Amino acid sequence: MSNDAVAAAIVTDQGAGQCSLAGDLTLATADQLWKQLQSTGLLGSATRVDTGGVGRSDSAGLALLVAWRAVRRINGGDLSITSLPSRLTALARLTDAEAIVCG
């Protein structure tokens, strides 16, 4: 895979509200991933997402996680985000979103 290639973001339902995220979480993949979250029902039902499989990430990926957690909270639930890659943690800290994605 070349440096310019994009690894599609994939969410995997692990049952009981658990899921995992893998691939690139970037502007190039965020829209497709959001649609996948909607079509699988995980947007409204997931309670925990393991992001340890995320490769490249950017502000669009961070925005997706913030929006996903917001949707869960609006609907009376919550989303725990675990194994956040260091790049996303640093970006969240830089943008004052750390409490949202890490808390």
PDB file of N, CA and C in Angstrom:
ATOM      1  N   MET A   1       0.845  -1.162   0.000  1.00  0.00           N
ATOM      2  CA  MET A   1       0.000   0.000   0.000  1.00  0.00           C
ATOM      3  C   MET A   1       0.894   1.230   0.000  1.00  0.00           C
ATOM      4  N   SER A   2       0.615   2.170  -0.892  1.00  0.00           N
ATOM      5  CA  SER A   2       1.423   3.381  -0.960  1.00  0.00           C
ATOM      6  C   SER A   2       1.068   4.307   0.190  1.00  0.00           C
ATOM      7  N   ASN A   3       1.884   5.315   0.402  1.00  0.00           N
ATOM      8  CA  ASN A   3       1.634   6.271   1.473  1.00  0.00           C
ATOM      9  C   ASN A   3       0.351   7.049   1.259  1.00  0.00           C
ATOM     10  N   ASP A   4      -0.099   7.168  -0.005  1.00  0.00           N
ATOM     11  CA  ASP A   4      -1.305   7.919  -0.310  1.00  0.00           C
ATOM     12  C   ASP A   4      -2.559   7.063  -0.257  1.00  0.00           C
ATOM     13  N   ALA A   5      -2.422   5.766  -0.124  1.00  0.00           N
ATOM     14  CA  ALA A   5      -3.578   4.880  -0.103  1.00  0.00           C
ATOM     15  C   ALA A   5      -4.355   5.070   1.190  1.00  0.00           C
ATOM     16  N   VAL A   6      -5.665   4.913   1.087  1.00  0.00           N
ATOM     17  CA  VAL A   6      -6.537   5.056   2.242  1.00  0.00           C
ATOM     18  C   VAL A   6      -7.055   3.686   2.635  1.00  0.00           C
ATOM     19  N   ALA A   7      -6.884   3.334   3.894  1.00  0.00           N
ATOM     20  CA  ALA A   7      -7.440   2.088   4.411  1.00  0.00           C
ATOM     21  C   ALA A   7      -8.834   2.404   4.922  1.00  0.00           C
ATOM     22  N   ALA A   8      -9.839   1.836   4.287  1.00  0.00           N
ATOM     23  CA  ALA A   8     -11.225   2.107   4.657  1.00  0.00           C
ATOM     24  C   ALA A   8     -11.442   1.857   6.139  1.00  0.00           C
ATOM     25  N   ALA A   9     -12.228   2.717   6.750  1.00  0.00           N
ATOM     26  CA  ALA A   9     -12.597   2.534   8.145  1.00  0.00           C
ATOM     27  C   ALA A   9     -13.699   1.488   8.208  1.00  0.00           C
ATOM     28  N   ILE A  10     -13.561   0.565   9.130  1.00  0.00           N
ATOM     29  CA  ILE A  10     -14.529  -0.514   9.272  1.00  0.00           C
ATOM     30  C   ILE A  10     -14.922  -0.617  10.736  1.00  0.00           C
ATOM     31  N   VAL A  11     -16.217  -0.663  10.978  1.00  0.00           N
ATOM     32  CA  VAL A  11     -16.710  -0.887  12.333  1.00  0.00           C
ATOM     33  C   VAL A  11     -17.230  -2.321  12.384  1.00  0.00           C
ATOM     34  N   THR A  12     -16.859  -3.014  13.448  1.00  0.00           N
ATOM     35  CA  THR A  12     -17.267  -4.401  13.622  1.00  0.00           C
ATOM     36  C   THR A  12     -18.096  -4.527  14.888  1.00  0.00           C
ATOM     37  N   ASP A  13     -19.309  -5.027  14.725  1.00  0.00           N
ATOM     38  CA  ASP A  13     -20.204  -5.236  15.862  1.00  0.00           C
ATOM     39  C   ASP A  13     -19.750  -6.487  16.604  1.00  0.00           C
ATOM     40  N   GLN A  14     -19.455  -6.356  17.875  1.00  0.00           N
ATOM     41  CA  GLN A  14     -19.009  -7.485  18.681  1.00  0.00           C
ATOM     42  C   GLN A  14     -20.099  -7.975  19.629  1.00  0.00           C
ATOM     43  N   GLY A  15     -21.288  -7.402  19.495  1.00  0.00           N
ATOM     44  CA  GLY A  15     -22.409  -7.811  20.323  1.00  0.00           C
ATOM     45  C   GLY A  15     -22.438  -7.107  21.661  1.00  0.00           C
ATOM     46  N   ALA A  16     -23.596  -7.128  22.292  1.00  0.00           N
ATOM     47  CA  ALA A  16     -23.798  -6.552  23.628  1.00  0.00           C
ATOM     48  C   ALA A  16     -23.352  -5.100  23.720  1.00  0.00           C
ATOM     49  N   GLY A  17     -23.561  -4.324  22.642  1.00  0.00           N
ATOM     50  CA  GLY A  17     -23.208  -2.910  22.647  1.00  0.00           C
ATOM     51  C   GLY A  17     -21.744  -2.614  22.383  1.00  0.00           C
ATOM     52  N   GLN A  18     -20.947  -3.650  22.190  1.00  0.00           N
ATOM     53  CA  GLN A  18     -19.507  -3.490  21.969  1.00  0.00           C
ATOM     54  C   GLN A  18     -19.209  -3.494  20.465  1.00  0.00           C
ATOM     55  N   CYS A  19     -18.277  -2.652  20.048  1.00  0.00           N
ATOM     56  CA  CYS A  19     -17.824  -2.681  18.663  1.00  0.00           C
ATOM     57  C   CYS A  19     -16.370  -2.225  18.605  1.00  0.00           C
ATOM     58  N   SER A  20     -15.758  -2.451  17.457  1.00  0.00           N
ATOM     59  CA  SER A  20     -14.377  -2.015  17.271  1.00  0.00           C
ATOM     60  C   SER A  20     -14.273  -1.256  15.954  1.00  0.00           C
ATOM     61  N   LEU A  21     -13.316  -0.372  15.906  1.00  0.00           N
ATOM     62  CA  LEU A  21     -13.077   0.466  14.743  1.00  0.00           C
ATOM     63  C   LEU A  21     -11.668   0.209  14.254  1.00  0.00           C
ATOM     64  N   ALA A  22     -11.521   0.020  12.945  1.00  0.00           N
ATOM     65  CA  ALA A  22     -10.202  -0.234  12.368  1.00  0.00           C
ATOM     66  C   ALA A  22     -10.076   0.512  11.043  1.00  0.00           C
ATOM     67  N   GLY A  23      -8.850   0.755  10.637  1.00  0.00           N
ATOM     68  CA  GLY A  23      -8.582   1.457   9.381  1.00  0.00           C
ATOM     69  C   GLY A  23      -8.287   2.920   9.634  1.00  0.00           C
ATOM     70  N   ASP A  24      -8.347   3.710   8.574  1.00  0.00           N
ATOM     71  CA  ASP A  24      -8.074   5.136   8.666  1.00  0.00           C
ATOM     72  C   ASP A  24      -9.342   5.877   9.055  1.00  0.00           C
ATOM     73  N   LEU A  25      -9.225   6.771   9.998  1.00  0.00           N
ATOM     74  CA  LEU A  25     -10.343   7.583  10.466  1.00  0.00           C
ATOM     75  C   LEU A  25     -10.033   9.019  10.061  1.00  0.00           C
ATOM     76  N   THR A  26     -10.354   9.329   8.805  1.00  0.00           N
ATOM     77  CA  THR A  26      -9.964  10.594   8.195  1.00  0.00           C
ATOM     78  C   THR A  26     -11.133  11.194   7.417  1.00  0.00           C
ATOM     79  N   LEU A  27     -10.904  12.362   6.862  1.00  0.00           N
ATOM     80  CA  LEU A  27     -11.904  13.008   6.020  1.00  0.00           C
ATOM     81  C   LEU A  27     -12.322  12.084   4.873  1.00  0.00           C
ATOM     82  N   ALA A  28     -11.384  11.315   4.351  1.00  0.00           N
ATOM     83  CA  ALA A  28     -11.670  10.418   3.229  1.00  0.00           C
ATOM     84  C   ALA A  28     -12.567   9.244   3.612  1.00  0.00           C
ATOM     85  N   THR A  29     -12.629   8.908   4.903  1.00  0.00           N
ATOM     86  CA  THR A  29     -13.398   7.729   5.324  1.00  0.00           C
ATOM     87  C   THR A  29     -14.571   8.044   6.243  1.00  0.00           C
ATOM     88  N   ALA A  30     -14.628   9.241   6.782  1.00  0.00           N
ATOM     89  CA  ALA A  30     -15.634   9.571   7.802  1.00  0.00           C
ATOM     90  C   ALA A  30     -17.061   9.428   7.296  1.00  0.00           C
ATOM     91  N   ASP A  31     -17.356   9.902   6.101  1.00  0.00           N
ATOM     92  CA  ASP A  31     -18.722   9.824   5.568  1.00  0.00           C
ATOM     93  C   ASP A  31     -19.158   8.373   5.397  1.00  0.00           C
ATOM     94  N   GLN A  32     -18.291   7.550   4.840  1.00  0.00           N
ATOM     95  CA  GLN A  32     -18.611   6.135   4.643  1.00  0.00           C
ATOM     96  C   GLN A  32     -18.813   5.440   5.975  1.00  0.00           C
ATOM     97  N   LEU A  33     -17.994   5.781   6.952  1.00  0.00           N
ATOM     98  CA  LEU A  33     -18.116   5.166   8.269  1.00  0.00           C
ATOM     99  C   LEU A  33     -19.417   5.598   8.944  1.00  0.00           C
ATOM    100  N   TRP A  34     -19.780   6.865   8.846  1.00  0.00           N
ATOM    101  CA  TRP A  34     -21.027   7.353   9.441  1.00  0.00           C
ATOM    102  C   TRP A  34     -22.221   6.598   8.850  1.00  0.00           C
ATOM    103  N   LYS A  35     -22.205   6.407   7.535  1.00  0.00           N
ATOM    104  CA  LYS A  35     -23.276   5.657   6.874  1.00  0.00           C
ATOM    105  C   LYS A  35     -23.308   4.205   7.367  1.00  0.00           C
ATOM    106  N   GLN A  36     -22.140   3.618   7.578  1.00  0.00           N
ATOM    107  CA  GLN A  36     -22.066   2.254   8.088  1.00  0.00           C
ATOM    108  C   GLN A  36     -22.628   2.191   9.510  1.00  0.00           C
ATOM    109  N   LEU A  37     -22.313   3.178  10.336  1.00  0.00           N
ATOM    110  CA  LEU A  37     -22.846   3.225  11.698  1.00  0.00           C
ATOM    111  C   LEU A  37     -24.376   3.330  11.683  1.00  0.00           C
ATOM    112  N   GLN A  38     -24.902   4.134  10.775  1.00  0.00           N
ATOM    113  CA  GLN A  38     -26.354   4.265  10.652  1.00  0.00           C
ATOM    114  C   GLN A  38     -26.988   2.957  10.179  1.00  0.00           C
ATOM    115  N   SER A  39     -26.439   2.365   9.137  1.00  0.00           N
ATOM    116  CA  SER A  39     -27.067   1.173   8.546  1.00  0.00           C
ATOM    117  C   SER A  39     -26.998  -0.043   9.460  1.00  0.00           C
ATOM    118  N   THR A  40     -25.985  -0.117  10.300  1.00  0.00           N
ATOM    119  CA  THR A  40     -25.867  -1.256  11.213  1.00  0.00           C
ATOM    120  C   THR A  40     -26.614  -1.028  12.526  1.00  0.00           C
ATOM    121  N   GLY A  41     -27.057   0.193  12.751  1.00  0.00           N
ATOM    122  CA  GLY A  41     -27.739   0.522  13.993  1.00  0.00           C
ATOM    123  C   GLY A  41     -26.794   0.848  15.136  1.00  0.00           C
ATOM    124  N   LEU A  42     -25.487   0.754  14.904  1.00  0.00           N
ATOM    125  CA  LEU A  42     -24.511   1.008  15.966  1.00  0.00           C
ATOM    126  C   LEU A  42     -24.451   2.477  16.369  1.00  0.00           C
ATOM    127  N   LEU A  43     -24.868   3.361  15.484  1.00  0.00           N
ATOM    128  CA  LEU A  43     -24.864   4.782  15.816  1.00  0.00           C
ATOM    129  C   LEU A  43     -25.717   5.035  17.049  1.00  0.00           C
ATOM    130  N   GLY A  44     -26.833   4.327  17.155  1.00  0.00           N
ATOM    131  CA  GLY A  44     -27.728   4.534  18.278  1.00  0.00           C
ATOM    132  C   GLY A  44     -27.667   3.492  19.368  1.00  0.00           C
ATOM    133  N   SER A  45     -26.935   2.397  19.130  1.00  0.00           N
ATOM    134  CA  SER A  45     -26.977   1.310  20.113  1.00  0.00           C
ATOM    135  C   SER A  45     -25.637   0.966  20.758  1.00  0.00           C
ATOM    136  N   ALA A  46     -24.533   1.329  20.141  1.00  0.00           N
ATOM    137  CA  ALA A  46     -23.227   0.979  20.709  1.00  0.00           C
ATOM    138  C   ALA A  46     -23.012   1.719  22.027  1.00  0.00           C
ATOM    139  N   THR A  47     -22.438   1.028  22.986  1.00  0.00           N
ATOM    140  CA  THR A  47     -22.109   1.649  24.268  1.00  0.00           C
ATOM    141  C   THR A  47     -20.598   1.741  24.472  1.00  0.00           C
ATOM    142  N   ARG A  48     -19.840   0.978  23.685  1.00  0.00           N
ATOM    143  CA  ARG A  48     -18.376   0.971  23.806  1.00  0.00           C
ATOM    144  C   ARG A  48     -17.763   0.719  22.439  1.00  0.00           C
ATOM    145  N   VAL A  49     -16.786   1.545  22.068  1.00  0.00           N
ATOM    146  CA  VAL A  49     -16.056   1.332  20.826  1.00  0.00           C
ATOM    147  C   VAL A  49     -14.560   1.302  21.137  1.00  0.00           C
ATOM    148  N   ASP A  50     -13.910   0.262  20.672  1.00  0.00           N
ATOM    149  CA  ASP A  50     -12.461   0.107  20.811  1.00  0.00           C
ATOM    150  C   ASP A  50     -11.833   0.665  19.534  1.00  0.00           C
ATOM    151  N   THR A  51     -11.049   1.728  19.677  1.00  0.00           N
ATOM    152  CA  THR A  51     -10.441   2.380  18.519  1.00  0.00           C
ATOM    153  C   THR A  51      -8.973   1.983  18.332  1.00  0.00           C
ATOM    154  N   GLY A  52      -8.560   0.926  18.985  1.00  0.00           N
ATOM    155  CA  GLY A  52      -7.174   0.483  18.912  1.00  0.00           C
ATOM    156  C   GLY A  52      -6.717   0.092  17.518  1.00  0.00           C
ATOM    157  N   GLY A  53      -7.641  -0.225  16.625  1.00  0.00           N
ATOM    158  CA  GLY A  53      -7.289  -0.622  15.265  1.00  0.00           C
ATOM    159  C   GLY A  53      -7.227   0.534  14.283  1.00  0.00           C
ATOM    160  N   VAL A  54      -7.389   1.767  14.777  1.00  0.00           N
ATOM    161  CA  VAL A  54      -7.357   2.932  13.890  1.00  0.00           C
ATOM    162  C   VAL A  54      -5.920   3.224  13.497  1.00  0.00           C
ATOM    163  N   GLY A  55      -5.727   3.444  12.204  1.00  0.00           N
ATOM    164  CA  GLY A  55      -4.406   3.809  11.679  1.00  0.00           C
ATOM    165  C   GLY A  55      -4.288   5.323  11.627  1.00  0.00           C
ATOM    166  N   ARG A  56      -4.299   5.865  10.424  1.00  0.00           N
ATOM    167  CA  ARG A  56      -4.233   7.321  10.270  1.00  0.00           C
ATOM    168  C   ARG A  56      -5.526   7.953  10.768  1.00  0.00           C
ATOM    169  N   SER A  57      -5.403   9.183  11.265  1.00  0.00           N
ATOM    170  CA  SER A  57      -6.583   9.899  11.746  1.00  0.00           C
ATOM    171  C   SER A  57      -6.359  11.392  11.572  1.00  0.00           C
ATOM    172  N   ASP A  58      -7.463  12.119  11.546  1.00  0.00           N
ATOM    173  CA  ASP A  58      -7.382  13.570  11.441  1.00  0.00           C
ATOM    174  C   ASP A  58      -8.581  14.189  12.150  1.00  0.00           C
ATOM    175  N   SER A  59      -8.765  15.483  11.981  1.00  0.00           N
ATOM    176  CA  SER A  59      -9.841  16.177  12.684  1.00  0.00           C
ATOM    177  C   SER A  59     -11.225  15.673  12.276  1.00  0.00           C
ATOM    178  N   ALA A  60     -11.399  15.215  11.056  1.00  0.00           N
ATOM    179  CA  ALA A  60     -12.690  14.665  10.643  1.00  0.00           C
ATOM    180  C   ALA A  60     -12.992  13.383  11.411  1.00  0.00           C
ATOM    181  N   GLY A  61     -11.979  12.574  11.651  1.00  0.00           N
ATOM    182  CA  GLY A  61     -12.156  11.365  12.446  1.00  0.00           C
ATOM    183  C   GLY A  61     -12.514  11.699  13.880  1.00  0.00           C
ATOM    184  N   LEU A  62     -11.861  12.703  14.434  1.00  0.00           N
ATOM    185  CA  LEU A  62     -12.180  13.144  15.784  1.00  0.00           C
ATOM    186  C   LEU A  62     -13.613  13.668  15.837  1.00  0.00           C
ATOM    187  N   ALA A  63     -13.994  14.439  14.836  1.00  0.00           N
ATOM    188  CA  ALA A  63     -15.357  14.979  14.780  1.00  0.00           C
ATOM    189  C   ALA A  63     -16.387  13.860  14.716  1.00  0.00           C
ATOM    190  N   LEU A  64     -16.086  12.799  13.992  1.00  0.00           N
ATOM    191  CA  LEU A  64     -17.001  11.667  13.914  1.00  0.00           C
ATOM    192  C   LEU A  64     -17.201  11.045  15.294  1.00  0.00           C
ATOM    193  N   LEU A  65     -16.134  10.860  16.040  1.00  0.00           N
ATOM    194  CA  LEU A  65     -16.253  10.284  17.379  1.00  0.00           C
ATOM    195  C   LEU A  65     -17.042  11.196  18.310  1.00  0.00           C
ATOM    196  N   VAL A  66     -16.799  12.496  18.223  1.00  0.00           N
ATOM    197  CA  VAL A  66     -17.532  13.462  19.043  1.00  0.00           C
ATOM    198  C   VAL A  66     -19.020  13.425  18.690  1.00  0.00           C
ATOM    199  N   ALA A  67     -19.329  13.400  17.395  1.00  0.00           N
ATOM    200  CA  ALA A  67     -20.726  13.365  16.953  1.00  0.00           C
ATOM    201  C   ALA A  67     -21.402  12.058  17.358  1.00  0.00           C
ATOM    202  N   TRP A  68     -20.689  10.948  17.245  1.00  0.00           N
ATOM    203  CA  TRP A  68     -21.241   9.646  17.625  1.00  0.00           C
ATOM    204  C   TRP A  68     -21.603   9.646  19.115  1.00  0.00           C
ATOM    205  N   ARG A  69     -20.697  10.150  19.918  1.00  0.00           N
ATOM    206  CA  ARG A  69     -20.960  10.206  21.361  1.00  0.00           C
ATOM    207  C   ARG A  69     -22.125  11.152  21.652  1.00  0.00           C
ATOM    208  N   ALA A  70     -22.231  12.247  20.916  1.00  0.00           N
ATOM    209  CA  ALA A  70     -23.329  13.193  21.103  1.00  0.00           C
ATOM    210  C   ALA A  70     -24.675  12.550  20.764  1.00  0.00           C
ATOM    211  N   VAL A  71     -24.721  11.787  19.682  1.00  0.00           N
ATOM    212  CA  VAL A  71     -25.954  11.094  19.307  1.00  0.00           C
ATOM    213  C   VAL A  71     -26.385  10.143  20.412  1.00  0.00           C
ATOM    214  N   ARG A  72     -25.439   9.414  20.956  1.00  0.00           N
ATOM    215  CA  ARG A  72     -25.764   8.475  22.050  1.00  0.00           C
ATOM    216  C   ARG A  72     -26.299   9.225  23.269  1.00  0.00           C
ATOM    217  N   ARG A  73     -25.698  10.345  23.604  1.00  0.00           N
ATOM    218  CA  ARG A  73     -26.132  11.120  24.779  1.00  0.00           C
ATOM    219  C   ARG A  73     -27.505  11.751  24.557  1.00  0.00           C
ATOM    220  N   ILE A  74     -27.753  12.255  23.371  1.00  0.00           N
ATOM    221  CA  ILE A  74     -29.051  12.844  23.051  1.00  0.00           C
ATOM    222  C   ILE A  74     -30.156  11.803  23.204  1.00  0.00           C
ATOM    223  N   ASN A  75     -29.840  10.560  22.890  1.00  0.00           N
ATOM    224  CA  ASN A  75     -30.825   9.481  22.967  1.00  0.00           C
ATOM    225  C   ASN A  75     -30.801   8.757  24.311  1.00  0.00           C
ATOM    226  N   GLY A  76     -30.204   9.381  25.322  1.00  0.00           N
ATOM    227  CA  GLY A  76     -30.233   8.833  26.671  1.00  0.00           C
ATOM    228  C   GLY A  76     -29.204   7.768  26.977  1.00  0.00           C
ATOM    229  N   GLY A  77     -28.218   7.621  26.143  1.00  0.00           N
ATOM    230  CA  GLY A  77     -27.167   6.633  26.383  1.00  0.00           C
ATOM    231  C   GLY A  77     -25.807   7.296  26.465  1.00  0.00           C
ATOM    232  N   ASP A  78     -24.781   6.519  26.290  1.00  0.00           N
ATOM    233  CA  ASP A  78     -23.421   7.050  26.256  1.00  0.00           C
ATOM    234  C   ASP A  78     -22.565   6.114  25.422  1.00  0.00           C
ATOM    235  N   LEU A  79     -21.434   6.593  25.010  1.00  0.00           N
ATOM    236  CA  LEU A  79     -20.486   5.814  24.236  1.00  0.00           C
ATOM    237  C   LEU A  79     -19.123   5.947  24.881  1.00  0.00           C
ATOM    238  N   SER A  80     -18.583   4.847  25.340  1.00  0.00           N
ATOM    239  CA  SER A  80     -17.238   4.812  25.898  1.00  0.00           C
ATOM    240  C   SER A  80     -16.268   4.543  24.755  1.00  0.00           C
ATOM    241  N   ILE A  81     -15.267   5.388  24.613  1.00  0.00           N
ATOM    242  CA  ILE A  81     -14.265   5.247  23.550  1.00  0.00           C
ATOM    243  C   ILE A  81     -12.973   4.782  24.203  1.00  0.00           C
ATOM    244  N   THR A  82     -12.528   3.583  23.845  1.00  0.00           N
ATOM    245  CA  THR A  82     -11.332   3.013  24.461  1.00  0.00           C
ATOM    246  C   THR A  82     -10.210   2.881  23.443  1.00  0.00           C
ATOM    247  N   SER A  83      -9.001   2.753  23.947  1.00  0.00           N
ATOM    248  CA  SER A  83      -7.788   2.558  23.139  1.00  0.00           C
ATOM    249  C   SER A  83      -7.609   3.646  22.080  1.00  0.00           C
ATOM    250  N   LEU A  84      -7.896   4.876  22.453  1.00  0.00           N
ATOM    251  CA  LEU A  84      -7.765   5.987  21.518  1.00  0.00           C
ATOM    252  C   LEU A  84      -6.300   6.155  21.122  1.00  0.00           C
ATOM    253  N   PRO A  85      -5.999   6.124  19.823  1.00  0.00           N
ATOM    254  CA  PRO A  85      -4.609   6.289  19.383  1.00  0.00           C
ATOM    255  C   PRO A  85      -4.025   7.624  19.840  1.00  0.00           C
ATOM    256  N   SER A  86      -2.740   7.656  20.046  1.00  0.00           N
ATOM    257  CA  SER A  86      -2.084   8.851  20.582  1.00  0.00           C
ATOM    258  C   SER A  86      -2.308  10.079  19.709  1.00  0.00           C
ATOM    259  N   ARG A  87      -2.367   9.906  18.403  1.00  0.00           N
ATOM    260  CA  ARG A  87      -2.592  11.054  17.516  1.00  0.00           C
ATOM    261  C   ARG A  87      -3.968  11.669  17.775  1.00  0.00           C
ATOM    262  N   LEU A  88      -4.986  10.835  17.953  1.00  0.00           N
ATOM    263  CA  LEU A  88      -6.317  11.349  18.233  1.00  0.00           C
ATOM    264  C   LEU A  88      -6.394  11.960  19.631  1.00  0.00           C
ATOM    265  N   THR A  89      -5.703  11.375  20.580  1.00  0.00           N
ATOM    266  CA  THR A  89      -5.664  11.936  21.931  1.00  0.00           C
ATOM    267  C   THR A  89      -5.031  13.322  21.902  1.00  0.00           C
ATOM    268  N   ALA A  90      -3.930  13.465  21.181  1.00  0.00           N
ATOM    269  CA  ALA A  90      -3.247  14.761  21.078  1.00  0.00           C
ATOM    270  C   ALA A  90      -4.129  15.787  20.374  1.00  0.00           C
ATOM    271  N   LEU A  91      -4.817  15.367  19.323  1.00  0.00           N
ATOM    272  CA  LEU A  91      -5.705  16.268  18.596  1.00  0.00           C
ATOM    273  C   LEU A  91      -6.880  16.687  19.484  1.00  0.00           C
ATOM    274  N   ALA A  92      -7.423  15.747  20.247  1.00  0.00           N
ATOM    275  CA  ALA A  92      -8.518  16.059  21.171  1.00  0.00           C
ATOM    276  C   ALA A  92      -8.049  17.054  22.233  1.00  0.00           C
ATOM    277  N   ARG A  93      -6.844  16.861  22.734  1.00  0.00           N
ATOM    278  CA  ARG A  93      -6.292  17.775  23.746  1.00  0.00           C
ATOM    279  C   ARG A  93      -6.095  19.168  23.151  1.00  0.00           C
ATOM    280  N   LEU A  94      -5.578  19.225  21.946  1.00  0.00           N
ATOM    281  CA  LEU A  94      -5.311  20.492  21.261  1.00  0.00           C
ATOM    282  C   LEU A  94      -6.594  21.275  20.997  1.00  0.00           C
ATOM    283  N   THR A  95      -7.686  20.570  20.739  1.00  0.00           N
ATOM    284  CA  THR A  95      -8.949  21.219  20.385  1.00  0.00           C
ATOM    285  C   THR A  95      -9.932  21.302  21.548  1.00  0.00           C
ATOM    286  N   ASP A  96      -9.470  20.995  22.747  1.00  0.00           N
ATOM    287  CA  ASP A  96     -10.322  21.020  23.934  1.00  0.00           C
ATOM    288  C   ASP A  96     -11.469  20.010  23.860  1.00  0.00           C
ATOM    289  N   ALA A  97     -11.291  18.945  23.123  1.00  0.00           N
ATOM    290  CA  ALA A  97     -12.315  17.899  23.012  1.00  0.00           C
ATOM    291  C   ALA A  97     -11.936  16.661  23.815  1.00  0.00           C
ATOM    292  N   GLU A  98     -10.836  16.738  24.552  1.00  0.00           N
ATOM    293  CA  GLU A  98     -10.358  15.567  25.295  1.00  0.00           C
ATOM    294  C   GLU A  98     -11.397  15.041  26.274  1.00  0.00           C
ATOM    295  N   ALA A  99     -12.063  15.913  26.988  1.00  0.00           N
ATOM    296  CA  ALA A  99     -13.083  15.481  27.953  1.00  0.00           C
ATOM    297  C   ALA A  99     -14.248  14.793  27.268  1.00  0.00           C
ATOM    298  N   ILE A 100     -14.529  15.179  26.037  1.00  0.00           N
ATOM    299  CA  ILE A 100     -15.647  14.593  25.291  1.00  0.00           C
ATOM    300  C   ILE A 100     -15.311  13.179  24.831  1.00  0.00           C
ATOM    301  N   VAL A 101     -14.141  12.971  24.273  1.00  0.00           N
ATOM    302  CA  VAL A 101     -13.808  11.652  23.726  1.00  0.00           C
ATOM    303  C   VAL A 101     -13.157  10.738  24.746  1.00  0.00           C
ATOM    304  N   CYS A 102     -12.564  11.311  25.757  1.00  0.00           N
ATOM    305  CA  CYS A 102     -11.869  10.482  26.748  1.00  0.00           C
ATOM    306  C   CYS A 102     -12.622  10.364  28.061  1.00  0.00           C
ATOM    307  N   GLY A 103     -13.692  11.097  28.229  1.00  0.00           N
ATOM    308  CA  GLY A 103     -14.376  11.128  29.517  1.00  0.00           C
ATOM    309  C   GLY A 103     -15.697  10.461  29.564  1.00  0.00           C
TER     310      GLY A 103
END
